[in-house]
Amino acid sequence: MRVICIYREGQDYSRTVNEFLENVRRQTGYKIETMDPDTNASFCKTYDIVEYPTILALDNNGSVRASWRGKTLPLINEVLYYII
């Protein structure tokens, strides 16, 4: 399983996303992969990502198992389910 957070630094939501990512790392020991949509436009186009931040949980084949879009971030336990 692969969990990716796609967001832009320097936006009004960036601080909230960074705090969420740090809380996940501190509480679980796992680090969520991050991606800038400007440098990975083809990835975003492939998965039809147009709203930021977006968190995707992908299986080993690249299929989306879960996604969370927008400023309302998921609970750590929801994301942890797909990390483990």
C-alpha atoms as a PDB file:
ATOM      1  CA  MET A   1       0.000   0.000   0.000  1.00  0.00           C
ATOM      2  CA  ARG A   2       1.144   3.499  -0.760  1.00  0.00           C
ATOM      3  CA  VAL A   3      -0.310   6.633   0.868  1.00  0.00           C
ATOM      4  CA  ILE A   4       0.424   9.970  -0.797  1.00  0.00           C
ATOM      5  CA  CYS A   5      -0.493  13.503   0.211  1.00  0.00           C
ATOM      6  CA  ILE A   6      -0.670  15.899  -2.743  1.00  0.00           C
ATOM      7  CA  TYR A   7      -0.592  19.567  -1.797  1.00  0.00           C
ATOM      8  CA  ARG A   8       1.092  22.884  -2.507  1.00  0.00           C
ATOM      9  CA  GLU A   9       3.384  24.571  -0.002  1.00  0.00           C
ATOM     10  CA  GLY A  10       2.639  28.182   0.836  1.00  0.00           C
ATOM     11  CA  GLN A  11      -1.145  27.875   0.619  1.00  0.00           C
ATOM     12  CA  ASP A  12      -3.639  28.694   3.351  1.00  0.00           C
ATOM     13  CA  TYR A  13      -4.041  24.975   4.150  1.00  0.00           C
ATOM     14  CA  SER A  14      -0.301  24.108   4.147  1.00  0.00           C
ATOM     15  CA  ARG A  15       0.218  24.565   7.879  1.00  0.00           C
ATOM     16  CA  THR A  16      -2.690  22.261   8.697  1.00  0.00           C
ATOM     17  CA  VAL A  17      -1.398  19.608   6.292  1.00  0.00           C
ATOM     18  CA  ASN A  18       2.148  19.809   7.656  1.00  0.00           C
ATOM     19  CA  GLU A  19       0.852  19.457  11.219  1.00  0.00           C
ATOM     20  CA  PHE A  20      -1.246  16.441  10.190  1.00  0.00           C
ATOM     21  CA  LEU A  21       1.740  14.781   8.497  1.00  0.00           C
ATOM     22  CA  GLU A  22       3.924  15.423  11.539  1.00  0.00           C
ATOM     23  CA  ASN A  23       1.256  14.051  13.892  1.00  0.00           C
ATOM     24  CA  VAL A  24       0.996  10.879  11.790  1.00  0.00           C
ATOM     25  CA  ARG A  25       4.766  10.466  11.920  1.00  0.00           C
ATOM     26  CA  ARG A  26       4.994  11.076  15.684  1.00  0.00           C
ATOM     27  CA  GLN A  27       2.028   8.900  16.662  1.00  0.00           C
ATOM     28  CA  THR A  28       2.575   5.976  14.304  1.00  0.00           C
ATOM     29  CA  GLY A  29       6.199   6.093  13.202  1.00  0.00           C
ATOM     30  CA  TYR A  30       5.122   6.085   9.548  1.00  0.00           C
ATOM     31  CA  LYS A  31       5.884   8.891   7.135  1.00  0.00           C
ATOM     32  CA  ILE A  32       3.308   9.729   4.475  1.00  0.00           C
ATOM     33  CA  GLU A  33       4.773  10.426   1.052  1.00  0.00           C
ATOM     34  CA  THR A  34       4.191  13.996  -0.158  1.00  0.00           C
ATOM     35  CA  MET A  35       3.909  15.300  -3.692  1.00  0.00           C
ATOM     36  CA  ASP A  36       3.747  18.740  -5.300  1.00  0.00           C
ATOM     37  CA  PRO A  37       1.051  18.825  -7.991  1.00  0.00           C
ATOM     38  CA  ASP A  38       3.014  21.346 -10.069  1.00  0.00           C
ATOM     39  CA  THR A  39       5.995  19.045 -10.495  1.00  0.00           C
ATOM     40  CA  ASN A  40       3.876  15.884 -10.873  1.00  0.00           C
ATOM     41  CA  ALA A  41       1.125  17.079 -13.197  1.00  0.00           C
ATOM     42  CA  SER A  42       0.898  13.771 -15.076  1.00  0.00           C
ATOM     43  CA  PHE A  43       0.297  11.865 -11.820  1.00  0.00           C
ATOM     44  CA  CYS A  44      -2.470  14.301 -10.884  1.00  0.00           C
ATOM     45  CA  LYS A  45      -4.024  14.026 -14.325  1.00  0.00           C
ATOM     46  CA  THR A  46      -3.929  10.214 -14.182  1.00  0.00           C
ATOM     47  CA  TYR A  47      -5.798  10.151 -10.860  1.00  0.00           C
ATOM     48  CA  ASP A  48      -7.998  13.180 -11.683  1.00  0.00           C
ATOM     49  CA  ILE A  49      -6.744  15.249  -8.771  1.00  0.00           C
ATOM     50  CA  VAL A  50      -7.932  18.831  -9.020  1.00  0.00           C
ATOM     51  CA  GLU A  51      -8.551  19.708  -5.371  1.00  0.00           C
ATOM     52  CA  TYR A  52      -5.797  20.174  -2.814  1.00  0.00           C
ATOM     53  CA  PRO A  53      -4.893  18.804  -0.409  1.00  0.00           C
ATOM     54  CA  THR A  54      -5.685  15.271  -1.526  1.00  0.00           C
ATOM     55  CA  ILE A  55      -4.608  12.094   0.234  1.00  0.00           C
ATOM     56  CA  LEU A  56      -4.635   8.898  -1.811  1.00  0.00           C
ATOM     57  CA  ALA A  57      -4.255   5.313  -0.651  1.00  0.00           C
ATOM     58  CA  LEU A  58      -3.068   3.207  -3.589  1.00  0.00           C
ATOM     59  CA  ASP A  59      -2.685  -0.555  -3.691  1.00  0.00           C
ATOM     60  CA  ASN A  60       0.304  -2.298  -5.266  1.00  0.00           C
ATOM     61  CA  ASN A  61      -1.335  -2.138  -8.718  1.00  0.00           C
ATOM     62  CA  GLY A  62      -1.886   1.618  -8.486  1.00  0.00           C
ATOM     63  CA  SER A  63      -5.640   1.371  -7.933  1.00  0.00           C
ATOM     64  CA  VAL A  64      -7.176   3.899  -5.564  1.00  0.00           C
ATOM     65  CA  ARG A  65      -8.359   2.184  -2.379  1.00  0.00           C
ATOM     66  CA  ALA A  66      -9.361   5.410  -0.581  1.00  0.00           C
ATOM     67  CA  SER A  67      -9.106   9.137  -1.084  1.00  0.00           C
ATOM     68  CA  TRP A  68      -9.704  12.248   0.944  1.00  0.00           C
ATOM     69  CA  ARG A  69     -10.006  15.597  -0.790  1.00  0.00           C
ATOM     70  CA  GLY A  70     -10.190  19.134   0.471  1.00  0.00           C
ATOM     71  CA  LYS A  71      -9.251  20.951   3.634  1.00  0.00           C
ATOM     72  CA  THR A  72     -11.034  18.502   5.937  1.00  0.00           C
ATOM     73  CA  LEU A  73      -8.325  15.943   6.628  1.00  0.00           C
ATOM     74  CA  PRO A  74      -9.079  12.357   7.692  1.00  0.00           C
ATOM     75  CA  LEU A  75      -8.457  10.900  11.113  1.00  0.00           C
ATOM     76  CA  ILE A  76      -5.031   9.379  11.627  1.00  0.00           C
ATOM     77  CA  ASN A  77      -6.618   5.944  12.195  1.00  0.00           C
ATOM     78  CA  GLU A  78      -8.380   6.115   8.837  1.00  0.00           C
ATOM     79  CA  VAL A  79      -5.087   6.673   7.040  1.00  0.00           C
ATOM     80  CA  LEU A  80      -3.165   4.237   9.230  1.00  0.00           C
ATOM     81  CA  TYR A  81      -5.482   1.428   8.094  1.00  0.00           C
ATOM     82  CA  TYR A  82      -4.058   1.779   4.576  1.00  0.00           C
ATOM     83  CA  ILE A  83      -0.445   2.275   5.658  1.00  0.00           C
ATOM     84  CA  ILE A  84      -0.258  -0.992   7.605  1.00  0.00           C
END
